[in-house]
Amino acid sequence: MNLTKTAEWQALLGHRSRLQDRHLRDLFAEDAQRFHHFSHELDGLLVDYSKQRVDRAALNDLVALARSAEVEQWRDRMFAGEKINFSENRAVLHTALRHTDYTPFPSAEDNVMPQVHAVRKQMRDIVERVRSGLWRGFKGDAIQNIVNIGIGGSDLGPKLATRALSAQQHPGLHFYYVSNLDSAHLAPLIERLDPRTTLFIVASKTFTTQETSINAHTARNWLLAAATEEWAIAKHFIAVTSNPSKAMEFGIPEQNILQIWDWVGGRYSLWSAVGLSVALAIGMRGFERLLEGAETMDKHFRSAPLEKNLPVLLALMSIWNTNFLGAETTAVLPYNESLRHLPGFLQQLEMESNGKTVSRDGEPLACRANPIVWGEIGVNGQHAFFQLLHQGGWLIPCDFVVAASSDYPLPGHQAPLLANCLAQSSALAFGKTEQQACIELAAQGLKESDIAKLLPHKVFAGNQPSNTILMSSLDPFQLGMLLALYEHKVFVQGVVWGINSFDQWGVELGKQLANSLLPALQGNPEVDAQLDVSTQGLIAYFRRYGNN
């Protein structure tokens, strides 16, 4: 179905003509209750989208567009376990991983919960042994260092959550994440770690991912150089995979292998055993609170009317900005230092899911889909790229994300942090008019001629749309709600755009080419003739200066 031909889309084009030159100052002036009308709270998580350039008439037609795209039906199909990832013939059941009731899911006929509960119990046993000091290394030492080796969803989610919840971390454990093939990522780490007290988690769905495999074998060799005996691997390696035979070939015993399933996409796998490092950091009860927060958002997504449904509303704001106002990027701006990895996590979640130009039926999309997602810690960004946000002339919607209470409550820090966050969202929305700037300069005692020179530089256009997502605190429950909010937002966007959000064929081409180029880089000249001249020249340079 081409939604751009529907009455709902055409109505939204009319709203664009009406609203694209309206200023947020005017929208707020016309509705004294605008914040009340355009914000919603769920269990301490507040989403304020009042600074989006929409009014209630446009919002009503955006909701109508979602209904026309059958968002509710696709949502129900996902939760029912249908194979909506049709290109890989898979169900999409990451929500089962945070189903905490002891009831069947998705149905009594197709209940995956016994598998989920079995792995969760296995996680609990490992977590209790490591955190209590009962898990011992090959020399009898307690584990002190946890190194997660993975890439993509096996790295970004756990790394984000471990950093975000670091204030609640076990004081005797230290956590590290290795993903890059560049040995500069792993080498400095193992130089300072003690193999006797280090536990590696190798997280790889297939256990054949090149980056993870090479790093894992390097870690294995490092351990055996100290331990000398193969049995030591059982003391220092855990695998999270859907391919246990490969993990056992590596030397990891069956009891140290935790399963994941093909109905869990990598970028949605934090809630599975891929989150083991998070559970080790904050304890199994803390990890369960993370699941409970995500499940709370699942229930809200399933039951709330579209007009008050937080994931739906965030998705519709993004669709409005992208398809009707012409935005090409979105900035994610967390103000909590502990949320440093949120932009990177959302880059994968959004762009790997919806970075496509082909619809579910194999036809070219009739409209542009996902914007480019980027971002940085907000207070750092203020001294880097916010100048462009304010006066660069680009339309760049922003998500401001911050917790009301600090996870590291040093006196005198939190109020200024929140002041900066709220000030930036306000300044981007309302700007500063020429009249306001003129009054300010005159108040400084400047002459009229000097005011005339400075005035163009002191005007801020404003009218930059933004959401502000405010958590009551940065705890496991709130983080779970936040991440599930974004997951479902991406799903709704994909449904409206007509995309399968759960495959990622665009990732595969580069992997295939890398495998075919490796023999040439390792000195096989027969491969060279098959390559383009640019790649041949670059390989020749590597042969002169590179190493293995």
Protein backbone atom coordinates (compact mmCIF):
# COMPACT_ATOMS: atom_id res chain seq x y z
CA MET A 1 0.00 0.00 0.00
CA ASN A 2 1.36 3.42 -0.98
CA LEU A 3 0.44 5.62 1.98
CA THR A 4 1.45 8.77 0.14
CA LYS A 5 -1.69 8.32 -2.00
CA THR A 6 -4.04 8.03 0.96
CA ALA A 7 -6.43 10.71 2.17
CA GLU A 8 -4.54 10.82 5.50
CA TRP A 9 -1.23 11.61 3.79
CA GLN A 10 -2.85 14.25 1.62
CA ALA A 11 -4.44 15.82 4.69
CA LEU A 12 -1.00 15.98 6.32
CA LEU A 13 0.39 17.74 3.26
CA GLY A 14 -2.28 20.34 3.87
CA HIS A 15 -1.18 20.69 7.48
CA ARG A 16 2.41 21.08 6.29
CA SER A 17 1.40 24.01 4.08
CA ARG A 18 -0.37 25.53 7.05
CA LEU A 19 2.28 24.87 9.71
CA GLN A 20 5.70 24.83 8.04
CA ASP A 21 6.12 28.60 8.47
CA ARG A 22 4.39 28.81 11.84
CA HIS A 23 6.67 29.42 14.79
CA LEU A 24 6.60 27.50 18.05
CA ARG A 25 6.24 30.86 19.78
CA ASP A 26 2.86 31.25 18.11
CA LEU A 27 1.75 27.69 18.85
CA PHE A 28 2.47 28.16 22.54
CA ALA A 29 0.82 31.58 22.58
CA GLU A 30 -2.36 30.09 21.12
CA ASP A 31 -2.61 27.29 23.70
CA ALA A 32 -1.88 28.07 27.32
CA GLN A 33 -2.28 24.36 28.12
CA ARG A 34 0.02 23.16 25.34
CA PHE A 35 2.36 21.28 27.70
CA HIS A 36 -0.63 19.50 29.22
CA HIS A 37 -2.01 18.63 25.80
CA PHE A 38 1.30 17.44 24.34
CA SER A 39 2.98 15.47 27.11
CA HIS A 40 2.31 12.16 28.85
CA GLU A 41 3.79 10.36 31.85
CA LEU A 42 4.11 6.64 32.47
CA ASP A 43 5.38 5.38 35.84
CA GLY A 44 7.80 8.26 36.31
CA LEU A 45 8.87 8.56 32.65
CA LEU A 46 7.68 11.88 31.19
CA VAL A 47 7.64 12.51 27.44
CA ASP A 48 7.14 16.16 26.48
CA TYR A 49 6.58 16.68 22.76
CA SER A 50 5.00 20.12 23.11
CA LYS A 51 7.99 21.67 21.31
CA GLN A 52 7.17 19.77 18.13
CA ARG A 53 5.77 21.86 15.29
CA VAL A 54 2.33 20.28 15.31
CA ASP A 55 -1.09 21.29 16.51
CA ARG A 56 -3.98 19.09 17.54
CA ALA A 57 -5.45 18.97 14.03
CA ALA A 58 -2.17 17.75 12.54
CA LEU A 59 -1.70 15.27 15.38
CA ASN A 60 -5.16 13.84 14.78
CA ASP A 61 -4.32 13.19 11.14
CA LEU A 62 -0.95 11.69 12.06
CA VAL A 63 -2.79 9.24 14.30
CA ALA A 64 -5.19 8.57 11.43
CA LEU A 65 -2.17 7.81 9.22
CA ALA A 66 -0.94 5.26 11.78
CA ARG A 67 -4.35 3.60 11.77
CA SER A 68 -4.43 3.60 7.98
CA ALA A 69 -1.03 1.85 8.01
CA GLU A 70 -2.52 -0.76 10.38
CA VAL A 71 -0.08 -0.10 13.20
CA GLU A 72 -2.40 -1.74 15.72
CA GLN A 73 -2.75 -4.89 13.64
CA TRP A 74 1.00 -5.18 13.01
CA ARG A 75 1.65 -4.62 16.72
CA ASP A 76 -0.76 -7.42 17.60
CA ARG A 77 0.83 -9.70 14.99
CA MET A 78 4.27 -9.10 16.53
CA PHE A 79 3.08 -9.88 20.07
CA ALA A 80 1.22 -12.95 18.77
CA GLY A 81 4.47 -14.44 17.48
CA GLU A 82 3.69 -14.23 13.77
CA LYS A 83 6.72 -14.33 11.47
CA ILE A 84 6.58 -10.65 10.59
CA ASN A 85 10.30 -10.75 9.74
CA PHE A 86 9.26 -12.40 6.50
CA SER A 87 12.59 -12.06 4.65
CA GLU A 88 14.24 -14.31 7.25
CA ASN A 89 11.06 -16.27 8.04
CA ARG A 90 11.30 -15.40 11.74
CA ALA A 91 9.03 -14.30 14.52
CA VAL A 92 9.97 -11.14 16.42
CA LEU A 93 9.72 -12.06 20.08
CA HIS A 94 12.26 -10.02 22.01
CA THR A 95 9.30 -8.93 24.16
CA ALA A 96 9.10 -12.52 25.47
CA LEU A 97 12.49 -11.98 27.10
CA ARG A 98 10.99 -9.42 29.48
CA HIS A 99 7.71 -11.26 30.04
CA THR A 100 7.95 -11.69 33.81
CA ASP A 101 4.65 -13.45 34.51
CA TYR A 102 4.66 -17.24 34.68
CA THR A 103 2.12 -17.43 31.88
CA PRO A 104 2.52 -18.64 28.28
CA PHE A 105 3.93 -16.21 25.73
CA PRO A 106 3.12 -15.49 22.96
CA SER A 107 0.45 -18.19 23.26
CA ALA A 108 -0.24 -21.52 24.93
CA GLU A 109 0.23 -23.23 21.56
CA ASP A 110 3.60 -21.58 20.94
CA ASN A 111 5.05 -20.90 24.36
CA VAL A 112 8.71 -19.88 24.42
CA MET A 113 8.75 -19.08 28.13
CA PRO A 114 10.12 -22.44 29.37
CA GLN A 115 13.25 -21.78 27.29
CA VAL A 116 13.45 -18.17 28.50
CA HIS A 117 13.04 -19.14 32.15
CA ALA A 118 15.65 -21.89 31.84
CA VAL A 119 18.25 -19.45 30.52
CA ARG A 120 17.26 -16.84 33.08
CA LYS A 121 17.86 -19.45 35.83
CA GLN A 122 21.24 -20.24 34.29
CA MET A 123 22.06 -16.54 34.32
CA ARG A 124 21.03 -16.29 37.97
CA ASP A 125 23.32 -19.16 38.96
CA ILE A 126 26.30 -17.58 37.17
CA VAL A 127 25.56 -14.13 38.58
CA GLU A 128 25.31 -15.39 42.15
CA ARG A 129 28.53 -17.38 41.88
CA VAL A 130 30.57 -14.56 40.37
CA ARG A 131 29.22 -11.77 42.58
CA SER A 132 29.67 -13.86 45.74
CA GLY A 133 33.24 -14.80 44.86
CA LEU A 134 32.45 -18.50 44.47
CA TRP A 135 33.42 -18.56 40.77
CA ARG A 136 37.17 -19.09 40.84
CA GLY A 137 39.83 -18.82 38.17
CA PHE A 138 42.44 -21.41 37.27
CA LYS A 139 44.60 -20.45 40.28
CA GLY A 140 41.68 -20.28 42.70
CA ASP A 141 41.27 -16.48 42.60
CA ALA A 142 37.88 -14.78 42.65
CA ILE A 143 36.82 -13.02 39.45
CA GLN A 144 37.41 -9.28 39.42
CA ASN A 145 37.27 -8.33 35.72
CA ILE A 146 34.49 -9.09 33.21
CA VAL A 147 35.30 -8.62 29.52
CA ASN A 148 32.39 -8.79 27.09
CA ILE A 149 33.53 -9.65 23.56
CA GLY A 150 30.88 -8.95 20.95
CA ILE A 151 29.84 -6.45 18.31
CA GLY A 152 26.65 -4.67 17.28
CA GLY A 153 23.76 -5.73 19.48
CA SER A 154 26.06 -8.00 21.48
CA ASP A 155 28.06 -4.94 22.49
CA LEU A 156 26.03 -1.73 22.25
CA GLY A 157 23.10 -2.68 24.49
CA PRO A 158 25.07 -4.27 27.35
CA LYS A 159 27.68 -1.50 27.20
CA LEU A 160 24.99 1.17 27.35
CA ALA A 161 23.15 -0.46 30.26
CA THR A 162 26.29 -1.23 32.28
CA ARG A 163 27.48 2.36 31.96
CA ALA A 164 24.01 3.79 32.58
CA LEU A 165 23.61 1.80 35.80
CA SER A 166 27.22 2.06 36.98
CA ALA A 167 26.16 3.76 40.23
CA GLN A 168 24.60 0.44 41.26
CA GLN A 169 27.50 -1.72 40.12
CA HIS A 170 29.15 -4.38 42.28
CA PRO A 171 32.15 -2.60 43.89
CA GLY A 172 34.52 -5.53 43.40
CA LEU A 173 33.87 -6.09 39.70
CA HIS A 174 35.14 -4.12 36.72
CA PHE A 175 33.56 -4.29 33.28
CA TYR A 176 35.07 -3.89 29.83
CA TYR A 177 33.68 -4.17 26.31
CA VAL A 178 35.71 -5.19 23.26
CA SER A 179 34.23 -4.99 19.77
CA ASN A 180 36.75 -3.54 17.33
CA LEU A 181 38.96 -5.76 15.19
CA ASP A 182 41.71 -3.19 15.65
CA SER A 183 44.07 -4.76 18.17
CA ALA A 184 44.33 -1.36 19.84
CA HIS A 185 40.98 -2.15 21.45
CA LEU A 186 41.98 -5.44 23.05
CA ALA A 187 45.77 -5.24 23.46
CA PRO A 188 45.98 -2.39 26.02
CA LEU A 189 43.25 -4.07 28.04
CA ILE A 190 44.86 -7.49 28.38
CA GLU A 191 48.19 -5.81 29.10
CA ARG A 192 46.80 -4.52 32.38
CA LEU A 193 44.43 -7.35 33.33
CA ASP A 194 45.36 -10.42 35.34
CA PRO A 195 44.32 -13.66 33.58
CA ARG A 196 43.78 -15.31 36.95
CA THR A 197 40.91 -12.92 37.79
CA THR A 198 39.41 -12.26 34.33
CA LEU A 199 36.21 -13.75 32.95
CA PHE A 200 35.37 -13.40 29.24
CA ILE A 201 31.82 -13.41 27.90
CA VAL A 202 31.84 -14.19 24.17
CA ALA A 203 28.49 -12.96 22.85
CA SER A 204 27.84 -14.02 19.27
CA LYS A 205 24.62 -15.41 17.88
CA THR A 206 26.37 -17.50 15.23
CA PHE A 207 29.73 -17.74 17.02
CA THR A 208 31.29 -17.08 13.62
CA THR A 209 31.17 -13.26 13.48
CA GLN A 210 34.66 -12.31 12.30
CA GLU A 211 35.34 -9.45 14.72
CA THR A 212 34.16 -11.40 17.75
CA SER A 213 35.86 -14.62 16.70
CA ILE A 214 39.29 -13.03 16.22
CA ASN A 215 39.10 -11.13 19.52
CA ALA A 216 37.89 -14.24 21.35
CA HIS A 217 40.73 -16.40 20.02
CA THR A 218 43.26 -13.73 20.96
CA ALA A 219 41.82 -13.68 24.49
CA ARG A 220 41.92 -17.48 24.57
CA ASN A 221 45.60 -17.53 23.57
CA TRP A 222 46.37 -14.87 26.19
CA LEU A 223 44.71 -16.94 28.90
CA LEU A 224 46.40 -20.20 27.88
CA ALA A 225 49.78 -18.50 27.80
CA ALA A 226 49.35 -18.05 31.55
CA ALA A 227 47.30 -21.13 32.42
CA THR A 228 48.98 -23.57 29.94
CA GLU A 229 46.18 -26.16 30.35
CA GLU A 230 43.01 -26.29 28.20
CA TRP A 231 40.79 -26.99 31.21
CA ALA A 232 41.36 -23.40 32.31
CA ILE A 233 39.05 -22.17 29.54
CA ALA A 234 36.07 -23.45 31.53
CA LYS A 235 37.10 -21.19 34.41
CA HIS A 236 37.39 -18.05 32.31
CA PHE A 237 35.01 -18.20 29.33
CA ILE A 238 31.23 -18.05 28.96
CA ALA A 239 29.45 -18.10 25.60
CA VAL A 240 26.12 -16.54 24.66
CA THR A 241 25.11 -18.03 21.32
CA SER A 242 22.56 -19.91 19.26
CA ASN A 243 25.36 -22.16 17.99
CA PRO A 244 26.57 -24.15 21.03
CA SER A 245 28.56 -26.65 18.94
CA LYS A 246 30.86 -23.84 17.74
CA ALA A 247 31.31 -22.61 21.29
CA MET A 248 32.25 -26.12 22.43
CA GLU A 249 34.76 -26.36 19.56
CA PHE A 250 36.31 -23.21 21.02
CA GLY A 251 36.67 -25.08 24.31
CA ILE A 252 33.78 -23.63 26.29
CA PRO A 253 31.96 -26.38 28.22
CA GLU A 254 28.23 -26.86 27.77
CA GLN A 255 27.39 -25.61 31.27
CA ASN A 256 29.00 -22.26 30.38
CA ILE A 257 26.93 -21.77 27.22
CA LEU A 258 23.77 -19.66 27.39
CA GLN A 259 21.31 -19.85 24.54
CA ILE A 260 19.74 -17.16 22.40
CA TRP A 261 17.22 -17.82 19.64
CA ASP A 262 16.60 -16.80 16.05
CA TRP A 263 13.48 -14.88 17.11
CA VAL A 264 15.72 -12.40 18.93
CA GLY A 265 17.35 -9.83 16.66
CA GLY A 266 20.81 -8.70 17.71
CA ARG A 267 19.84 -5.10 18.35
CA TYR A 268 16.96 -6.34 20.54
CA SER A 269 19.02 -8.86 22.52
CA LEU A 270 19.95 -6.87 25.63
CA TRP A 271 17.04 -8.51 27.44
CA SER A 272 18.43 -12.02 26.78
CA ALA A 273 21.56 -13.69 28.07
CA VAL A 274 23.43 -11.08 26.00
CA GLY A 275 22.68 -8.90 29.03
CA LEU A 276 24.68 -11.21 31.32
CA SER A 277 27.35 -8.57 31.91
CA VAL A 278 24.61 -6.16 33.02
CA ALA A 279 23.23 -8.74 35.44
CA LEU A 280 26.73 -9.35 36.79
CA ALA A 281 27.14 -5.61 37.32
CA ILE A 282 23.84 -4.81 39.05
CA GLY A 283 22.74 -8.23 40.27
CA MET A 284 19.99 -10.47 38.96
CA ARG A 285 17.30 -8.55 40.82
CA GLY A 286 18.51 -5.33 39.20
CA PHE A 287 18.43 -7.03 35.79
CA GLU A 288 14.88 -8.21 36.48
CA ARG A 289 13.90 -4.61 37.27
CA LEU A 290 15.30 -3.65 33.86
CA LEU A 291 13.05 -6.31 32.31
CA GLU A 292 10.07 -5.12 34.34
CA GLY A 293 10.55 -1.56 33.10
CA ALA A 294 10.64 -2.76 29.50
CA GLU A 295 7.57 -4.94 30.11
CA THR A 296 5.72 -1.94 31.52
CA MET A 297 6.34 -0.11 28.25
CA ASP A 298 5.29 -3.24 26.31
CA LYS A 299 1.95 -3.31 28.13
CA HIS A 300 1.46 0.42 27.55
CA PHE A 301 2.26 0.01 23.85
CA ARG A 302 -0.23 -2.84 23.55
CA SER A 303 -3.09 -1.22 25.43
CA ALA A 304 -2.90 2.59 25.29
CA PRO A 305 -4.95 4.33 22.60
CA LEU A 306 -2.78 5.64 19.78
CA GLU A 307 -3.52 9.24 20.82
CA LYS A 308 -1.84 8.63 24.18
CA ASN A 309 0.60 5.88 23.21
CA LEU A 310 4.15 7.06 23.88
CA PRO A 311 6.01 4.95 21.27
CA VAL A 312 3.38 5.81 18.65
CA LEU A 313 3.57 9.52 19.41
CA LEU A 314 7.38 9.58 19.23
CA ALA A 315 7.24 7.71 15.92
CA LEU A 316 4.65 10.09 14.50
CA MET A 317 6.69 13.13 15.49
CA SER A 318 9.68 11.67 13.66
CA ILE A 319 7.56 10.87 10.59
CA TRP A 320 6.15 14.41 10.61
CA ASN A 321 9.62 15.94 10.83
CA THR A 322 11.11 13.64 8.20
CA ASN A 323 8.38 13.30 5.62
CA PHE A 324 6.55 16.60 5.94
CA LEU A 325 8.97 19.18 7.35
CA GLY A 326 12.03 17.83 5.50
CA ALA A 327 14.40 16.99 8.35
CA GLU A 328 17.25 14.66 7.35
CA THR A 329 18.88 14.03 10.73
CA THR A 330 17.90 13.63 14.38
CA ALA A 331 20.16 14.49 17.31
CA VAL A 332 20.03 12.41 20.51
CA LEU A 333 21.24 14.49 23.44
CA PRO A 334 21.47 12.70 26.81
CA TYR A 335 22.49 15.01 29.62
CA ASN A 336 23.42 12.27 32.09
CA GLU A 337 27.05 11.22 31.74
CA SER A 338 25.94 7.67 32.51
CA LEU A 339 23.90 7.67 29.28
CA ARG A 340 26.98 8.37 27.19
CA HIS A 341 26.40 5.31 24.99
CA LEU A 342 22.71 6.02 24.27
CA PRO A 343 23.34 7.76 20.91
CA GLY A 344 25.42 4.84 19.62
CA PHE A 345 22.80 2.32 20.75
CA LEU A 346 20.02 4.27 19.01
CA GLN A 347 22.07 4.64 15.86
CA GLN A 348 22.03 0.88 15.43
CA LEU A 349 18.45 0.46 16.61
CA GLU A 350 17.04 3.06 14.24
CA MET A 351 19.28 3.04 11.19
CA GLU A 352 19.90 -0.71 11.00
CA SER A 353 16.16 -1.30 11.41
CA ASN A 354 14.75 1.34 9.08
CA GLY A 355 17.65 2.50 6.93
CA LYS A 356 16.03 1.11 3.80
CA THR A 357 14.56 2.23 0.48
CA VAL A 358 12.59 -0.94 -0.33
CA SER A 359 9.18 -1.77 1.10
CA ARG A 360 7.96 -5.08 2.47
CA ASP A 361 6.59 -5.97 -0.96
CA GLY A 362 9.94 -5.34 -2.65
CA GLU A 363 8.93 -2.05 -4.26
CA PRO A 364 10.82 1.25 -3.92
CA LEU A 365 9.51 3.32 -1.03
CA ALA A 366 7.27 6.18 -2.04
CA CYS A 367 8.79 8.42 0.63
CA ARG A 368 12.04 8.85 2.51
CA ALA A 369 12.39 6.65 5.56
CA ASN A 370 14.71 6.88 8.56
CA PRO A 371 16.66 10.08 9.23
CA ILE A 372 20.34 9.95 10.14
CA VAL A 373 20.68 9.54 13.92
CA TRP A 374 23.63 11.10 15.73
CA GLY A 375 24.34 12.67 19.09
CA GLU A 376 26.55 13.32 22.07
CA ILE A 377 26.34 14.11 25.75
CA GLY A 378 24.36 17.36 25.84
CA VAL A 379 26.67 19.52 27.93
CA ASN A 380 29.60 18.55 25.69
CA GLY A 381 27.56 19.22 22.57
CA GLN A 382 26.77 22.72 23.81
CA HIS A 383 30.46 23.51 23.38
CA ALA A 384 30.75 21.71 20.04
CA PHE A 385 27.84 21.54 17.59
CA PHE A 386 25.02 23.44 19.32
CA GLN A 387 26.15 26.57 17.51
CA LEU A 388 24.99 24.91 14.29
CA LEU A 389 21.72 23.81 15.91
CA HIS A 390 20.98 27.38 16.94
CA GLN A 391 22.20 29.39 13.96
CA GLY A 392 23.27 26.96 11.25
CA GLY A 393 20.01 27.07 9.33
CA TRP A 394 19.42 23.29 9.31
CA LEU A 395 16.23 21.71 10.56
CA ILE A 396 17.51 19.20 13.15
CA PRO A 397 14.95 17.69 15.53
CA CYS A 398 16.41 16.76 18.91
CA ASP A 399 15.66 14.32 21.69
CA PHE A 400 16.76 15.67 25.08
CA VAL A 401 17.06 12.83 27.62
CA VAL A 402 17.79 13.42 31.30
CA ALA A 403 17.02 12.07 34.77
CA ALA A 404 15.52 14.38 37.39
CA SER A 405 17.69 12.96 40.17
CA SER A 406 21.40 12.26 39.87
CA ASP A 407 22.79 8.75 40.07
CA TYR A 408 26.00 10.29 41.54
CA PRO A 409 24.57 13.04 43.78
CA LEU A 410 27.48 15.43 44.34
CA PRO A 411 26.19 18.69 45.85
CA GLY A 412 25.67 21.53 43.39
CA HIS A 413 25.74 19.53 40.16
CA GLN A 414 22.23 18.34 39.32
CA ALA A 415 20.31 21.62 39.24
CA PRO A 416 22.81 23.28 36.86
CA LEU A 417 22.75 20.15 34.68
CA LEU A 418 18.95 20.27 34.37
CA ALA A 419 19.06 24.05 33.86
CA ASN A 420 21.33 23.55 30.85
CA CYS A 421 19.14 20.81 29.39
CA LEU A 422 15.89 22.72 29.76
CA ALA A 423 17.48 25.99 28.61
CA GLN A 424 18.75 24.43 25.39
CA SER A 425 15.40 22.88 24.48
CA SER A 426 13.71 26.19 25.20
CA ALA A 427 16.27 28.26 23.27
CA LEU A 428 16.09 25.95 20.26
CA ALA A 429 12.30 26.21 20.27
CA PHE A 430 11.78 29.91 20.88
CA GLY A 431 15.04 31.51 19.77
CA LYS A 432 15.59 35.25 20.17
CA THR A 433 13.89 37.81 17.99
CA GLU A 434 15.55 40.88 16.54
CA GLN A 435 13.52 43.03 18.90
CA GLN A 436 14.62 41.03 21.94
CA ALA A 437 18.25 41.18 20.85
CA CYS A 438 18.05 44.90 20.24
CA ILE A 439 16.63 45.51 23.73
CA GLU A 440 19.41 43.41 25.30
CA LEU A 441 22.17 45.23 23.43
CA ALA A 442 20.70 48.62 24.30
CA ALA A 443 20.58 47.60 27.97
CA GLN A 444 24.34 47.04 27.75
CA GLY A 445 24.78 50.72 26.84
CA LEU A 446 25.88 50.16 23.25
CA LYS A 447 25.57 52.91 20.68
CA GLU A 448 23.00 52.52 17.90
CA SER A 449 25.74 52.02 15.31
CA ASP A 450 27.32 49.21 17.34
CA ILE A 451 23.92 47.63 17.90
CA ALA A 452 23.29 47.65 14.16
CA LYS A 453 26.59 45.81 13.55
CA LEU A 454 26.02 43.19 16.24
CA LEU A 455 22.30 42.66 15.80
CA PRO A 456 22.42 40.10 12.93
CA HIS A 457 24.76 37.92 15.02
CA LYS A 458 22.54 38.04 18.10
CA VAL A 459 19.33 36.82 16.50
CA PHE A 460 18.33 33.15 16.95
CA ALA A 461 15.70 31.78 14.59
CA GLY A 462 14.47 29.09 17.01
CA ASN A 463 11.60 26.88 15.81
CA GLN A 464 13.75 23.75 16.15
CA PRO A 465 11.49 20.85 17.15
CA SER A 466 12.42 18.64 20.08
CA ASN A 467 11.21 16.04 22.54
CA THR A 468 12.25 16.09 26.17
CA ILE A 469 12.27 12.69 27.87
CA LEU A 470 12.59 13.09 31.61
CA MET A 471 13.11 10.10 33.91
CA SER A 472 12.46 10.36 37.63
CA SER A 473 15.79 8.60 38.21
CA LEU A 474 18.34 6.62 36.25
CA ASP A 475 17.53 3.20 37.68
CA PRO A 476 17.02 -0.20 35.99
CA PHE A 477 13.23 0.15 35.77
CA GLN A 478 13.33 3.59 34.17
CA LEU A 479 16.12 2.56 31.79
CA GLY A 480 14.10 -0.49 30.74
CA MET A 481 11.11 1.72 29.95
CA LEU A 482 13.28 4.18 28.01
CA LEU A 483 14.90 1.57 25.78
CA ALA A 484 11.62 -0.26 25.10
CA LEU A 485 10.05 3.10 24.27
CA TYR A 486 12.59 3.59 21.50
CA GLU A 487 12.29 -0.01 20.31
CA HIS A 488 8.56 0.33 19.78
CA LYS A 489 8.97 3.78 18.26
CA VAL A 490 11.21 2.24 15.59
CA PHE A 491 8.68 -0.53 15.00
CA VAL A 492 5.83 1.96 14.46
CA GLN A 493 7.94 4.00 12.05
CA GLY A 494 8.74 0.87 10.06
CA VAL A 495 5.08 -0.10 9.84
CA VAL A 496 4.05 3.35 8.60
CA TRP A 497 6.86 3.43 6.05
CA GLY A 498 6.05 -0.13 4.99
CA ILE A 499 9.46 -1.51 5.98
CA ASN A 500 10.53 -4.81 7.50
CA SER A 501 12.37 -3.36 10.50
CA PHE A 502 13.86 -6.68 11.60
CA ASP A 503 16.27 -7.69 8.84
CA GLN A 504 19.58 -6.01 7.96
CA TRP A 505 20.73 -7.22 4.58
CA GLY A 506 22.71 -4.02 4.07
CA VAL A 507 25.17 -5.22 6.71
CA GLU A 508 26.02 -8.35 4.75
CA LEU A 509 27.64 -6.96 1.60
CA GLY A 510 30.62 -5.42 3.37
CA LYS A 511 31.19 -8.66 5.31
CA GLN A 512 31.20 -10.69 2.08
CA LEU A 513 33.64 -8.32 0.41
CA ALA A 514 35.93 -8.30 3.45
CA ASN A 515 36.15 -12.09 3.35
CA SER A 516 37.01 -12.03 -0.36
CA LEU A 517 39.67 -9.33 0.13
CA LEU A 518 41.44 -11.04 3.01
CA PRO A 519 43.48 -13.44 0.81
CA ALA A 520 44.78 -10.49 -1.22
CA LEU A 521 45.84 -8.64 1.92
CA GLN A 522 47.58 -11.79 3.09
CA GLY A 523 49.65 -11.90 -0.10
CA ASN A 524 47.69 -13.93 -2.65
CA PRO A 525 48.25 -12.08 -5.97
CA GLU A 526 45.70 -14.22 -7.82
CA VAL A 527 42.90 -12.29 -6.13
CA ASP A 528 44.19 -8.91 -7.33
CA ALA A 529 43.02 -9.26 -10.91
CA GLN A 530 39.42 -9.61 -9.76
CA LEU A 531 39.48 -6.29 -7.89
CA ASP A 532 38.83 -2.73 -8.97
CA VAL A 533 41.93 -0.58 -9.53
CA SER A 534 41.32 1.56 -6.44
CA THR A 535 41.23 -1.49 -4.16
CA GLN A 536 44.30 -2.92 -5.91
CA GLY A 537 46.20 0.30 -5.23
CA LEU A 538 45.18 0.37 -1.59
CA ILE A 539 46.21 -3.27 -1.11
CA ALA A 540 49.58 -2.53 -2.70
CA TYR A 541 50.06 0.25 -0.15
CA PHE A 542 49.16 -2.13 2.69
CA ARG A 543 51.71 -4.67 1.43
CA ARG A 544 54.41 -2.02 1.64
CA TYR A 545 53.63 -0.66 5.06
CA GLY A 546 51.13 -2.93 6.83
CA ASN A 547 51.40 -5.89 9.14
CA ASN A 548 49.15 -8.73 10.25
